[in-house]
All heavy atoms as atom14 arrays in JSON, in Angstrom:
{
  "sequence": "EDISRLQRVVVNHKVDGFILTRTLVNDAPAEYLKETGIPFVTIGSTED",
  "atom14_mask": [
    [1, 1, 1, 1, 1, 1, 1, 1, 1, 0, 0, 0, 0, 0],
    [1, 1, 1, 1, 1, 1, 1, 1, 0, 0, 0, 0, 0, 0],
    [1, 1, 1, 1, 1, 1, 1, 1, 0, 0, 0, 0, 0, 0],
    [1, 1, 1, 1, 1, 1, 0, 0, 0, 0, 0, 0, 0, 0],
    [1, 1, 1, 1, 1, 1, 1, 1, 1, 1, 1, 0, 0, 0],
    [1, 1, 1, 1, 1, 1, 1, 1, 0, 0, 0, 0, 0, 0],
    [1, 1, 1, 1, 1, 1, 1, 1, 1, 0, 0, 0, 0, 0],
    [1, 1, 1, 1, 1, 1, 1, 1, 1, 1, 1, 0, 0, 0],
    [1, 1, 1, 1, 1, 1, 1, 0, 0, 0, 0, 0, 0, 0],
    [1, 1, 1, 1, 1, 1, 1, 0, 0, 0, 0, 0, 0, 0],
    [1, 1, 1, 1, 1, 1, 1, 0, 0, 0, 0, 0, 0, 0],
    [1, 1, 1, 1, 1, 1, 1, 1, 0, 0, 0, 0, 0, 0],
    [1, 1, 1, 1, 1, 1, 1, 1, 1, 1, 0, 0, 0, 0],
    [1, 1, 1, 1, 1, 1, 1, 1, 1, 0, 0, 0, 0, 0],
    [1, 1, 1, 1, 1, 1, 1, 0, 0, 0, 0, 0, 0, 0],
    [1, 1, 1, 1, 1, 1, 1, 1, 0, 0, 0, 0, 0, 0],
    [1, 1, 1, 1, 0, 0, 0, 0, 0, 0, 0, 0, 0, 0],
    [1, 1, 1, 1, 1, 1, 1, 1, 1, 1, 1, 0, 0, 0],
    [1, 1, 1, 1, 1, 1, 1, 1, 0, 0, 0, 0, 0, 0],
    [1, 1, 1, 1, 1, 1, 1, 1, 0, 0, 0, 0, 0, 0],
    [1, 1, 1, 1, 1, 1, 1, 0, 0, 0, 0, 0, 0, 0],
    [1, 1, 1, 1, 1, 1, 1, 1, 1, 1, 1, 0, 0, 0],
    [1, 1, 1, 1, 1, 1, 1, 0, 0, 0, 0, 0, 0, 0],
    [1, 1, 1, 1, 1, 1, 1, 1, 0, 0, 0, 0, 0, 0],
    [1, 1, 1, 1, 1, 1, 1, 0, 0, 0, 0, 0, 0, 0],
    [1, 1, 1, 1, 1, 1, 1, 1, 0, 0, 0, 0, 0, 0],
    [1, 1, 1, 1, 1, 1, 1, 1, 0, 0, 0, 0, 0, 0],
    [1, 1, 1, 1, 1, 0, 0, 0, 0, 0, 0, 0, 0, 0],
    [1, 1, 1, 1, 1, 1, 1, 0, 0, 0, 0, 0, 0, 0],
    [1, 1, 1, 1, 1, 0, 0, 0, 0, 0, 0, 0, 0, 0],
    [1, 1, 1, 1, 1, 1, 1, 1, 1, 0, 0, 0, 0, 0],
    [1, 1, 1, 1, 1, 1, 1, 1, 1, 1, 1, 1, 0, 0],
    [1, 1, 1, 1, 1, 1, 1, 1, 0, 0, 0, 0, 0, 0],
    [1, 1, 1, 1, 1, 1, 1, 1, 1, 0, 0, 0, 0, 0],
    [1, 1, 1, 1, 1, 1, 1, 1, 1, 0, 0, 0, 0, 0],
    [1, 1, 1, 1, 1, 1, 1, 0, 0, 0, 0, 0, 0, 0],
    [1, 1, 1, 1, 0, 0, 0, 0, 0, 0, 0, 0, 0, 0],
    [1, 1, 1, 1, 1, 1, 1, 1, 0, 0, 0, 0, 0, 0],
    [1, 1, 1, 1, 1, 1, 1, 0, 0, 0, 0, 0, 0, 0],
    [1, 1, 1, 1, 1, 1, 1, 1, 1, 1, 1, 0, 0, 0],
    [1, 1, 1, 1, 1, 1, 1, 0, 0, 0, 0, 0, 0, 0],
    [1, 1, 1, 1, 1, 1, 1, 0, 0, 0, 0, 0, 0, 0],
    [1, 1, 1, 1, 1, 1, 1, 1, 0, 0, 0, 0, 0, 0],
    [1, 1, 1, 1, 0, 0, 0, 0, 0, 0, 0, 0, 0, 0],
    [1, 1, 1, 1, 1, 1, 0, 0, 0, 0, 0, 0, 0, 0],
    [1, 1, 1, 1, 1, 1, 1, 0, 0, 0, 0, 0, 0, 0],
    [1, 1, 1, 1, 1, 1, 1, 1, 1, 0, 0, 0, 0, 0],
    [1, 1, 1, 1, 1, 1, 1, 1, 0, 0, 0, 0, 0, 0]
  ],
  "atom14_positions": [
    [[0.81, -1.22, 0.0], [0.0, 0.0, 0.0], [0.84, 1.27, 0.0], [0.35, 2.34, -0.38], [-0.92, 0.03, 1.23], [-1.96, -1.09, 1.27], [-1.38, -2.42, 1.68], [-0.35, -2.43, 2.39], [-1.95, -3.46, 1.26], [0.0, 0.0, 0.0], [0.0, 0.0, 0.0], [0.0, 0.0, 0.0], [0.0, 0.0, 0.0], [0.0, 0.0, 0.0]],
    [[2.09, 1.2, 0.41], [2.92, 2.4, 0.52], [4.31, 2.12, -0.03], [5.13, 1.47, 0.6], [3.02, 2.84, 1.99], [3.85, 4.12, 2.16], [4.23, 4.72, 1.14], [4.1, 4.51, 3.31], [0.0, 0.0, 0.0], [0.0, 0.0, 0.0], [0.0, 0.0, 0.0], [0.0, 0.0, 0.0], [0.0, 0.0, 0.0], [0.0, 0.0, 0.0]],
    [[4.57, 2.62, -1.24], [5.87, 2.41, -1.89], [6.64, 3.74, -1.97], [7.54, 3.88, -2.8], [5.73, 1.77, -3.27], [4.94, 2.68, -4.22], [5.07, 0.41, -3.17], [4.96, 2.2, -5.66], [0.0, 0.0, 0.0], [0.0, 0.0, 0.0], [0.0, 0.0, 0.0], [0.0, 0.0, 0.0], [0.0, 0.0, 0.0], [0.0, 0.0, 0.0]],
    [[6.29, 4.7, -1.13], [6.89, 6.03, -1.22], [8.4, 6.0, -0.99], [9.15, 6.74, -1.63], [6.23, 6.99, -0.22], [6.33, 6.5, 1.11], [0.0, 0.0, 0.0], [0.0, 0.0, 0.0], [0.0, 0.0, 0.0], [0.0, 0.0, 0.0], [0.0, 0.0, 0.0], [0.0, 0.0, 0.0], [0.0, 0.0, 0.0], [0.0, 0.0, 0.0]],
    [[8.86, 5.12, -0.1], [10.31, 5.03, 0.15], [11.03, 4.49, -1.08], [12.12, 4.95, -1.42], [10.58, 4.15, 1.36], [10.11, 4.76, 2.68], [10.31, 3.81, 3.83], [9.85, 4.38, 5.09], [9.35, 3.67, 6.09], [9.25, 2.36, 5.96], [8.96, 4.25, 7.2], [0.0, 0.0, 0.0], [0.0, 0.0, 0.0], [0.0, 0.0, 0.0]],
    [[10.41, 3.53, -1.72], [10.98, 3.0, -2.96], [11.03, 4.08, -4.03], [12.05, 4.24, -4.72], [10.13, 1.81, -3.43], [10.46, 1.2, -4.8], [11.85, 0.61, -4.79], [9.42, 0.15, -5.16], [0.0, 0.0, 0.0], [0.0, 0.0, 0.0], [0.0, 0.0, 0.0], [0.0, 0.0, 0.0], [0.0, 0.0, 0.0], [0.0, 0.0, 0.0]],
    [[9.97, 4.83, -4.15], [9.93, 5.91, -5.14], [11.0, 6.96, -4.88], [11.63, 7.46, -5.81], [8.54, 6.56, -5.14], [7.45, 5.64, -5.67], [6.06, 6.19, -5.43], [5.78, 6.76, -4.37], [5.18, 6.03, -6.4], [0.0, 0.0, 0.0], [0.0, 0.0, 0.0], [0.0, 0.0, 0.0], [0.0, 0.0, 0.0], [0.0, 0.0, 0.0]],
    [[11.22, 7.28, -3.61], [12.22, 8.28, -3.27], [13.62, 7.83, -3.66], [14.43, 8.62, -4.16], [12.16, 8.59, -1.77], [13.09, 9.72, -1.33], [12.78, 10.22, 0.06], [12.94, 9.2, 1.08], [11.93, 8.67, 1.77], [10.68, 9.05, 1.53], [12.16, 7.76, 2.68], [0.0, 0.0, 0.0], [0.0, 0.0, 0.0], [0.0, 0.0, 0.0]],
    [[13.92, 6.55, -3.45], [15.23, 6.02, -3.82], [15.43, 6.11, -5.33], [16.52, 6.46, -5.81], [15.38, 4.56, -3.34], [16.66, 3.94, -3.87], [15.38, 4.5, -1.81], [0.0, 0.0, 0.0], [0.0, 0.0, 0.0], [0.0, 0.0, 0.0], [0.0, 0.0, 0.0], [0.0, 0.0, 0.0], [0.0, 0.0, 0.0], [0.0, 0.0, 0.0]],
    [[14.38, 5.81, -6.09], [14.48, 5.87, -7.55], [14.66, 7.31, -8.02], [15.55, 7.61, -8.82], [13.22, 5.25, -8.2], [13.23, 5.48, -9.71], [13.17, 3.75, -7.91], [0.0, 0.0, 0.0], [0.0, 0.0, 0.0], [0.0, 0.0, 0.0], [0.0, 0.0, 0.0], [0.0, 0.0, 0.0], [0.0, 0.0, 0.0], [0.0, 0.0, 0.0]],
    [[13.81, 8.21, -7.55], [13.85, 9.61, -7.99], [15.2, 10.25, -7.67], [15.74, 11.04, -8.46], [12.7, 10.41, -7.35], [12.87, 11.9, -7.58], [11.36, 9.95, -7.92], [0.0, 0.0, 0.0], [0.0, 0.0, 0.0], [0.0, 0.0, 0.0], [0.0, 0.0, 0.0], [0.0, 0.0, 0.0], [0.0, 0.0, 0.0], [0.0, 0.0, 0.0]],
    [[15.76, 9.91, -6.53], [17.05, 10.46, -6.13], [18.24, 9.68, -6.67], [19.39, 9.97, -6.34], [17.15, 10.55, -4.6], [16.22, 11.59, -4.03], [15.9, 12.59, -4.67], [15.74, 11.36, -2.81], [0.0, 0.0, 0.0], [0.0, 0.0, 0.0], [0.0, 0.0, 0.0], [0.0, 0.0, 0.0], [0.0, 0.0, 0.0], [0.0, 0.0, 0.0]],
    [[17.95, 8.7, -7.5], [18.97, 7.87, -8.16], [20.03, 7.38, -7.16], [21.22, 7.58, -7.32], [19.64, 8.63, -9.3], [20.36, 7.72, -10.25], [19.7, 7.0, -11.23], [21.67, 7.39, -10.35], [20.59, 6.27, -11.9], [21.78, 6.48, -11.38], [0.0, 0.0, 0.0], [0.0, 0.0, 0.0], [0.0, 0.0, 0.0], [0.0, 0.0, 0.0]],
    [[19.54, 6.69, -6.13], [20.43, 6.19, -5.09], [21.03, 4.84, -5.43], [22.03, 4.44, -4.83], [19.66, 6.08, -3.76], [19.2, 7.4, -3.17], [20.37, 8.19, -2.62], [19.9, 9.46, -1.92], [19.14, 9.19, -0.68], [0.0, 0.0, 0.0], [0.0, 0.0, 0.0], [0.0, 0.0, 0.0], [0.0, 0.0, 0.0], [0.0, 0.0, 0.0]],
    [[20.4, 4.1, -6.36], [20.86, 2.74, -6.65], [20.87, 2.5, -8.15], [20.25, 3.24, -8.93], [19.97, 1.68, -5.96], [19.94, 1.87, -4.45], [18.55, 1.72, -6.53], [0.0, 0.0, 0.0], [0.0, 0.0, 0.0], [0.0, 0.0, 0.0], [0.0, 0.0, 0.0], [0.0, 0.0, 0.0], [0.0, 0.0, 0.0], [0.0, 0.0, 0.0]],
    [[21.58, 1.43, -8.55], [21.64, 1.04, -9.97], [20.62, -0.03, -10.32], [20.4, -0.32, -11.5], [23.04, 0.53, -10.31], [24.11, 1.58, -10.08], [23.82, 2.77, -10.33], [25.21, 1.22, -9.65], [0.0, 0.0, 0.0], [0.0, 0.0, 0.0], [0.0, 0.0, 0.0], [0.0, 0.0, 0.0], [0.0, 0.0, 0.0], [0.0, 0.0, 0.0]],
    [[20.02, -0.64, -9.32], [19.03, -1.68, -9.56], [18.46, -2.15, -8.24], [18.95, -1.78, -7.16], [0.0, 0.0, 0.0], [0.0, 0.0, 0.0], [0.0, 0.0, 0.0], [0.0, 0.0, 0.0], [0.0, 0.0, 0.0], [0.0, 0.0, 0.0], [0.0, 0.0, 0.0], [0.0, 0.0, 0.0], [0.0, 0.0, 0.0], [0.0, 0.0, 0.0]],
    [[17.41, -2.96, -8.31], [16.7, -3.4, -7.11], [16.52, -4.91, -7.07], [16.42, -5.57, -8.11], [15.3, -2.77, -7.05], [15.27, -1.34, -6.63], [15.28, -0.33, -7.58], [15.22, -0.99, -5.29], [15.22, 1.0, -7.2], [15.16, 0.33, -4.9], [15.17, 1.33, -5.85], [0.0, 0.0, 0.0], [0.0, 0.0, 0.0], [0.0, 0.0, 0.0]],
    [[16.43, -5.42, -5.83], [15.98, -6.79, -5.58], [14.73, -6.7, -4.72], [14.76, -6.09, -3.64], [17.05, -7.62, -4.87], [18.26, -7.84, -5.78], [16.48, -8.97, -4.42], [19.44, -8.51, -5.1], [0.0, 0.0, 0.0], [0.0, 0.0, 0.0], [0.0, 0.0, 0.0], [0.0, 0.0, 0.0], [0.0, 0.0, 0.0], [0.0, 0.0, 0.0]],
    [[13.62, -7.26, -5.2], [12.4, -7.35, -4.41], [12.37, -8.72, -3.74], [12.54, -9.74, -4.41], [11.16, -7.18, -5.28], [11.02, -5.88, -6.08], [9.71, -5.88, -6.87], [11.08, -4.67, -5.16], [0.0, 0.0, 0.0], [0.0, 0.0, 0.0], [0.0, 0.0, 0.0], [0.0, 0.0, 0.0], [0.0, 0.0, 0.0], [0.0, 0.0, 0.0]],
    [[12.14, -8.77, -2.44], [12.22, -10.04, -1.71], [10.87, -10.72, -1.53], [10.79, -11.73, -0.85], [12.87, -9.83, -0.34], [12.15, -8.81, 0.38], [14.32, -9.41, -0.47], [0.0, 0.0, 0.0], [0.0, 0.0, 0.0], [0.0, 0.0, 0.0], [0.0, 0.0, 0.0], [0.0, 0.0, 0.0], [0.0, 0.0, 0.0], [0.0, 0.0, 0.0]],
    [[9.82, -10.16, -2.12], [8.53, -10.83, -2.08], [7.77, -10.47, -3.36], [7.81, -9.33, -3.81], [7.72, -10.41, -0.85], [6.31, -10.99, -0.81], [5.52, -10.5, 0.39], [5.97, -11.14, 1.62], [5.64, -10.74, 2.83], [4.9, -9.65, 2.98], [6.08, -11.39, 3.89], [0.0, 0.0, 0.0], [0.0, 0.0, 0.0], [0.0, 0.0, 0.0]],
    [[7.09, -11.45, -3.94], [6.24, -11.19, -5.1], [4.78, -11.29, -4.69], [4.41, -12.15, -3.89], [6.54, -12.17, -6.24], [6.53, -13.52, -5.74], [7.88, -11.88, -6.87], [0.0, 0.0, 0.0], [0.0, 0.0, 0.0], [0.0, 0.0, 0.0], [0.0, 0.0, 0.0], [0.0, 0.0, 0.0], [0.0, 0.0, 0.0], [0.0, 0.0, 0.0]],
    [[3.97, -10.43, -5.27], [2.56, -10.32, -4.9], [1.68, -10.5, -6.13], [2.12, -10.27, -7.27], [2.28, -8.95, -4.27], [3.14, -8.56, -3.07], [2.88, -7.11, -2.69], [2.86, -9.47, -1.89], [0.0, 0.0, 0.0], [0.0, 0.0, 0.0], [0.0, 0.0, 0.0], [0.0, 0.0, 0.0], [0.0, 0.0, 0.0], [0.0, 0.0, 0.0]],
    [[0.44, -10.88, -5.91], [-0.52, -10.96, -7.0], [-0.76, -9.55, -7.53], [-0.68, -9.29, -8.73], [-1.84, -11.61, -6.53], [-2.86, -11.6, -7.66], [-1.58, -13.03, -6.03], [0.0, 0.0, 0.0], [0.0, 0.0, 0.0], [0.0, 0.0, 0.0], [0.0, 0.0, 0.0], [0.0, 0.0, 0.0], [0.0, 0.0, 0.0], [0.0, 0.0, 0.0]],
    [[-1.08, -8.63, -6.64], [-1.19, -7.21, -6.98], [0.09, -6.54, -6.51], [0.2, -6.11, -5.37], [-2.42, -6.6, -6.32], [-3.7, -7.28, -6.76], [-3.96, -7.41, -7.95], [-4.5, -7.74, -5.81], [0.0, 0.0, 0.0], [0.0, 0.0, 0.0], [0.0, 0.0, 0.0], [0.0, 0.0, 0.0], [0.0, 0.0, 0.0], [0.0, 0.0, 0.0]],
    [[1.08, -6.46, -7.4], [2.44, -6.13, -7.01], [2.81, -4.7, -7.37], [3.42, -4.42, -8.41], [3.42, -7.11, -7.69], [4.7, -7.26, -6.92], [5.11, -6.28, -6.25], [5.31, -8.34, -6.97], [0.0, 0.0, 0.0], [0.0, 0.0, 0.0], [0.0, 0.0, 0.0], [0.0, 0.0, 0.0], [0.0, 0.0, 0.0], [0.0, 0.0, 0.0]],
    [[2.44, -3.76, -6.49], [2.7, -2.34, -6.74], [4.19, -2.02, -6.87], [4.58, -1.26, -7.77], [2.07, -1.49, -5.64], [0.0, 0.0, 0.0], [0.0, 0.0, 0.0], [0.0, 0.0, 0.0], [0.0, 0.0, 0.0], [0.0, 0.0, 0.0], [0.0, 0.0, 0.0], [0.0, 0.0, 0.0], [0.0, 0.0, 0.0], [0.0, 0.0, 0.0]],
    [[5.08, -2.57, -6.01], [6.51, -2.27, -6.17], [7.05, -2.71, -7.54], [7.78, -1.96, -8.19], [7.16, -3.06, -5.03], [6.1, -3.18, -4.0], [4.82, -3.34, -4.77], [0.0, 0.0, 0.0], [0.0, 0.0, 0.0], [0.0, 0.0, 0.0], [0.0, 0.0, 0.0], [0.0, 0.0, 0.0], [0.0, 0.0, 0.0], [0.0, 0.0, 0.0]],
    [[6.69, -3.91, -7.98], [7.17, -4.4, -9.28], [6.62, -3.56, -10.42], [7.34, -3.23, -11.38], [6.8, -5.87, -9.46], [0.0, 0.0, 0.0], [0.0, 0.0, 0.0], [0.0, 0.0, 0.0], [0.0, 0.0, 0.0], [0.0, 0.0, 0.0], [0.0, 0.0, 0.0], [0.0, 0.0, 0.0], [0.0, 0.0, 0.0], [0.0, 0.0, 0.0]],
    [[5.35, -3.2, -10.35], [4.75, -2.39, -11.41], [5.43, -1.03, -11.5], [5.69, -0.52, -12.59], [3.25, -2.22, -11.15], [2.43, -3.47, -11.39], [2.56, -3.98, -12.82], [2.53, -3.17, -13.76], [2.72, -5.21, -12.99], [0.0, 0.0, 0.0], [0.0, 0.0, 0.0], [0.0, 0.0, 0.0], [0.0, 0.0, 0.0], [0.0, 0.0, 0.0]],
    [[5.74, -0.44, -10.35], [6.41, 0.86, -10.37], [7.8, 0.75, -10.99], [8.2, 1.57, -11.82], [6.51, 1.42, -8.94], [7.36, 2.67, -8.87], [6.9, 3.87, -9.39], [8.63, 2.63, -8.31], [7.68, 5.02, -9.35], [9.42, 3.77, -8.27], [8.93, 4.96, -8.78], [9.72, 6.08, -8.75], [0.0, 0.0, 0.0], [0.0, 0.0, 0.0]],
    [[8.56, -0.27, -10.6], [9.91, -0.41, -11.14], [9.88, -0.7, -12.64], [10.76, -0.25, -13.37], [10.65, -1.53, -10.39], [10.98, -1.23, -8.92], [11.71, -2.41, -8.28], [11.83, 0.03, -8.79], [0.0, 0.0, 0.0], [0.0, 0.0, 0.0], [0.0, 0.0, 0.0], [0.0, 0.0, 0.0], [0.0, 0.0, 0.0], [0.0, 0.0, 0.0]],
    [[8.88, -1.44, -13.1], [8.76, -1.66, -14.55], [8.57, -0.33, -15.28], [9.15, -0.11, -16.35], [7.57, -2.58, -14.83], [7.83, -4.05, -14.56], [6.56, -4.87, -14.6], [5.85, -4.76, -15.93], [4.61, -5.59, -15.96], [0.0, 0.0, 0.0], [0.0, 0.0, 0.0], [0.0, 0.0, 0.0], [0.0, 0.0, 0.0], [0.0, 0.0, 0.0]],
    [[7.78, 0.56, -14.7], [7.53, 1.86, -15.33], [8.79, 2.71, -15.4], [9.0, 3.45, -16.36], [6.45, 2.61, -14.55], [5.06, 2.0, -14.64], [4.07, 2.69, -13.73], [4.46, 3.68, -13.08], [2.92, 2.23, -13.66], [0.0, 0.0, 0.0], [0.0, 0.0, 0.0], [0.0, 0.0, 0.0], [0.0, 0.0, 0.0], [0.0, 0.0, 0.0]],
    [[9.65, 2.59, -14.4], [10.86, 3.41, -14.37], [11.93, 2.91, -15.34], [12.79, 3.68, -15.78], [11.48, 3.45, -12.97], [11.99, 2.15, -12.62], [10.46, 3.89, -11.93], [0.0, 0.0, 0.0], [0.0, 0.0, 0.0], [0.0, 0.0, 0.0], [0.0, 0.0, 0.0], [0.0, 0.0, 0.0], [0.0, 0.0, 0.0], [0.0, 0.0, 0.0]],
    [[11.89, 1.62, -15.66], [12.91, 1.04, -16.53], [14.19, 0.66, -15.82], [15.14, 0.17, -16.44], [0.0, 0.0, 0.0], [0.0, 0.0, 0.0], [0.0, 0.0, 0.0], [0.0, 0.0, 0.0], [0.0, 0.0, 0.0], [0.0, 0.0, 0.0], [0.0, 0.0, 0.0], [0.0, 0.0, 0.0], [0.0, 0.0, 0.0], [0.0, 0.0, 0.0]],
    [[14.25, 0.84, -14.5], [15.46, 0.49, -13.76], [15.55, -1.03, -13.64], [14.54, -1.71, -13.48], [15.44, 1.15, -12.37], [16.82, 1.04, -11.69], [14.38, 0.54, -11.46], [16.96, 1.9, -10.44], [0.0, 0.0, 0.0], [0.0, 0.0, 0.0], [0.0, 0.0, 0.0], [0.0, 0.0, 0.0], [0.0, 0.0, 0.0], [0.0, 0.0, 0.0]],
    [[16.75, -1.62, -13.74], [16.87, -3.08, -13.62], [16.41, -3.57, -12.25], [16.72, -2.95, -11.23], [18.37, -3.33, -13.81], [18.89, -2.12, -14.51], [18.05, -0.98, -14.03], [0.0, 0.0, 0.0], [0.0, 0.0, 0.0], [0.0, 0.0, 0.0], [0.0, 0.0, 0.0], [0.0, 0.0, 0.0], [0.0, 0.0, 0.0], [0.0, 0.0, 0.0]],
    [[15.67, -4.67, -12.23], [15.31, -5.28, -10.95], [15.05, -6.76, -11.14], [14.71, -7.23, -12.23], [14.1, -4.59, -10.31], [12.77, -4.9, -10.94], [11.93, -5.88, -10.41], [12.33, -4.2, -12.06], [10.7, -6.15, -10.98], [11.09, -4.47, -12.64], [10.28, -5.44, -12.1], [0.0, 0.0, 0.0], [0.0, 0.0, 0.0], [0.0, 0.0, 0.0]],
    [[15.25, -7.51, -10.06], [15.01, -8.95, -10.02], [14.17, -9.24, -8.79], [14.37, -8.61, -7.75], [16.34, -9.74, -9.96], [16.07, -11.25, -10.0], [17.27, -9.34, -11.09], [0.0, 0.0, 0.0], [0.0, 0.0, 0.0], [0.0, 0.0, 0.0], [0.0, 0.0, 0.0], [0.0, 0.0, 0.0], [0.0, 0.0, 0.0], [0.0, 0.0, 0.0]],
    [[13.26, -10.19, -8.9], [12.47, -10.55, -7.73], [12.93, -11.89, -7.17], [13.28, -12.8, -7.92], [10.97, -10.64, -8.05], [10.73, -11.74, -8.93], [10.47, -9.35, -8.69], [0.0, 0.0, 0.0], [0.0, 0.0, 0.0], [0.0, 0.0, 0.0], [0.0, 0.0, 0.0], [0.0, 0.0, 0.0], [0.0, 0.0, 0.0], [0.0, 0.0, 0.0]],
    [[12.96, -11.96, -5.85], [13.11, -13.25, -5.17], [11.69, -13.76, -4.97], [10.95, -13.29, -4.11], [13.83, -13.08, -3.82], [15.29, -12.7, -4.06], [13.75, -14.37, -3.0], [16.08, -12.48, -2.79], [0.0, 0.0, 0.0], [0.0, 0.0, 0.0], [0.0, 0.0, 0.0], [0.0, 0.0, 0.0], [0.0, 0.0, 0.0], [0.0, 0.0, 0.0]],
    [[11.3, -14.7, -5.8], [9.93, -15.18, -5.78], [9.36, -15.19, -7.18], [9.63, -14.29, -7.99], [0.0, 0.0, 0.0], [0.0, 0.0, 0.0], [0.0, 0.0, 0.0], [0.0, 0.0, 0.0], [0.0, 0.0, 0.0], [0.0, 0.0, 0.0], [0.0, 0.0, 0.0], [0.0, 0.0, 0.0], [0.0, 0.0, 0.0], [0.0, 0.0, 0.0]],
    [[8.59, -16.22, -7.47], [8.0, -16.38, -8.8], [6.88, -15.38, -9.03], [6.27, -14.87, -8.09], [7.45, -17.8, -8.95], [8.41, -18.77, -8.58], [0.0, 0.0, 0.0], [0.0, 0.0, 0.0], [0.0, 0.0, 0.0], [0.0, 0.0, 0.0], [0.0, 0.0, 0.0], [0.0, 0.0, 0.0], [0.0, 0.0, 0.0], [0.0, 0.0, 0.0]],
    [[6.62, -15.11, -10.29], [5.5, -14.28, -10.68], [5.0, -14.75, -12.03], [5.75, -15.35, -12.81], [5.91, -12.79, -10.75], [4.82, -12.04, -11.31], [7.13, -12.59, -11.63], [0.0, 0.0, 0.0], [0.0, 0.0, 0.0], [0.0, 0.0, 0.0], [0.0, 0.0, 0.0], [0.0, 0.0, 0.0], [0.0, 0.0, 0.0], [0.0, 0.0, 0.0]],
    [[3.74, -14.49, -12.3], [3.17, -14.88, -13.59], [3.4, -13.81, -14.65], [3.01, -13.98, -15.79], [1.67, -15.15, -13.41], [1.4, -16.36, -12.52], [-0.08, -16.59, -12.26], [-0.88, -15.72, -12.68], [-0.42, -17.61, -11.66], [0.0, 0.0, 0.0], [0.0, 0.0, 0.0], [0.0, 0.0, 0.0], [0.0, 0.0, 0.0], [0.0, 0.0, 0.0]],
    [[4.05, -12.71, -14.27], [4.37, -11.63, -15.2], [5.63, -12.01, -15.98], [6.73, -12.02, -15.43], [4.58, -10.33, -14.44], [4.76, -9.12, -15.35], [5.1, -9.31, -16.53], [4.56, -7.98, -14.87], [0.0, 0.0, 0.0], [0.0, 0.0, 0.0], [0.0, 0.0, 0.0], [0.0, 0.0, 0.0], [0.0, 0.0, 0.0], [0.0, 0.0, 0.0]]
  ]
}
């Protein structure tokens, strides 16, 4: 429900990529990172 900290890290360009440690059916963190184009990998399967 709250990905504001994730968004702040992206906007301030603090990292070169992300690892998400949980995958969700309704996965707001993954959807946001897909929109940004920043590299990321999830620990956990997804149907996406």
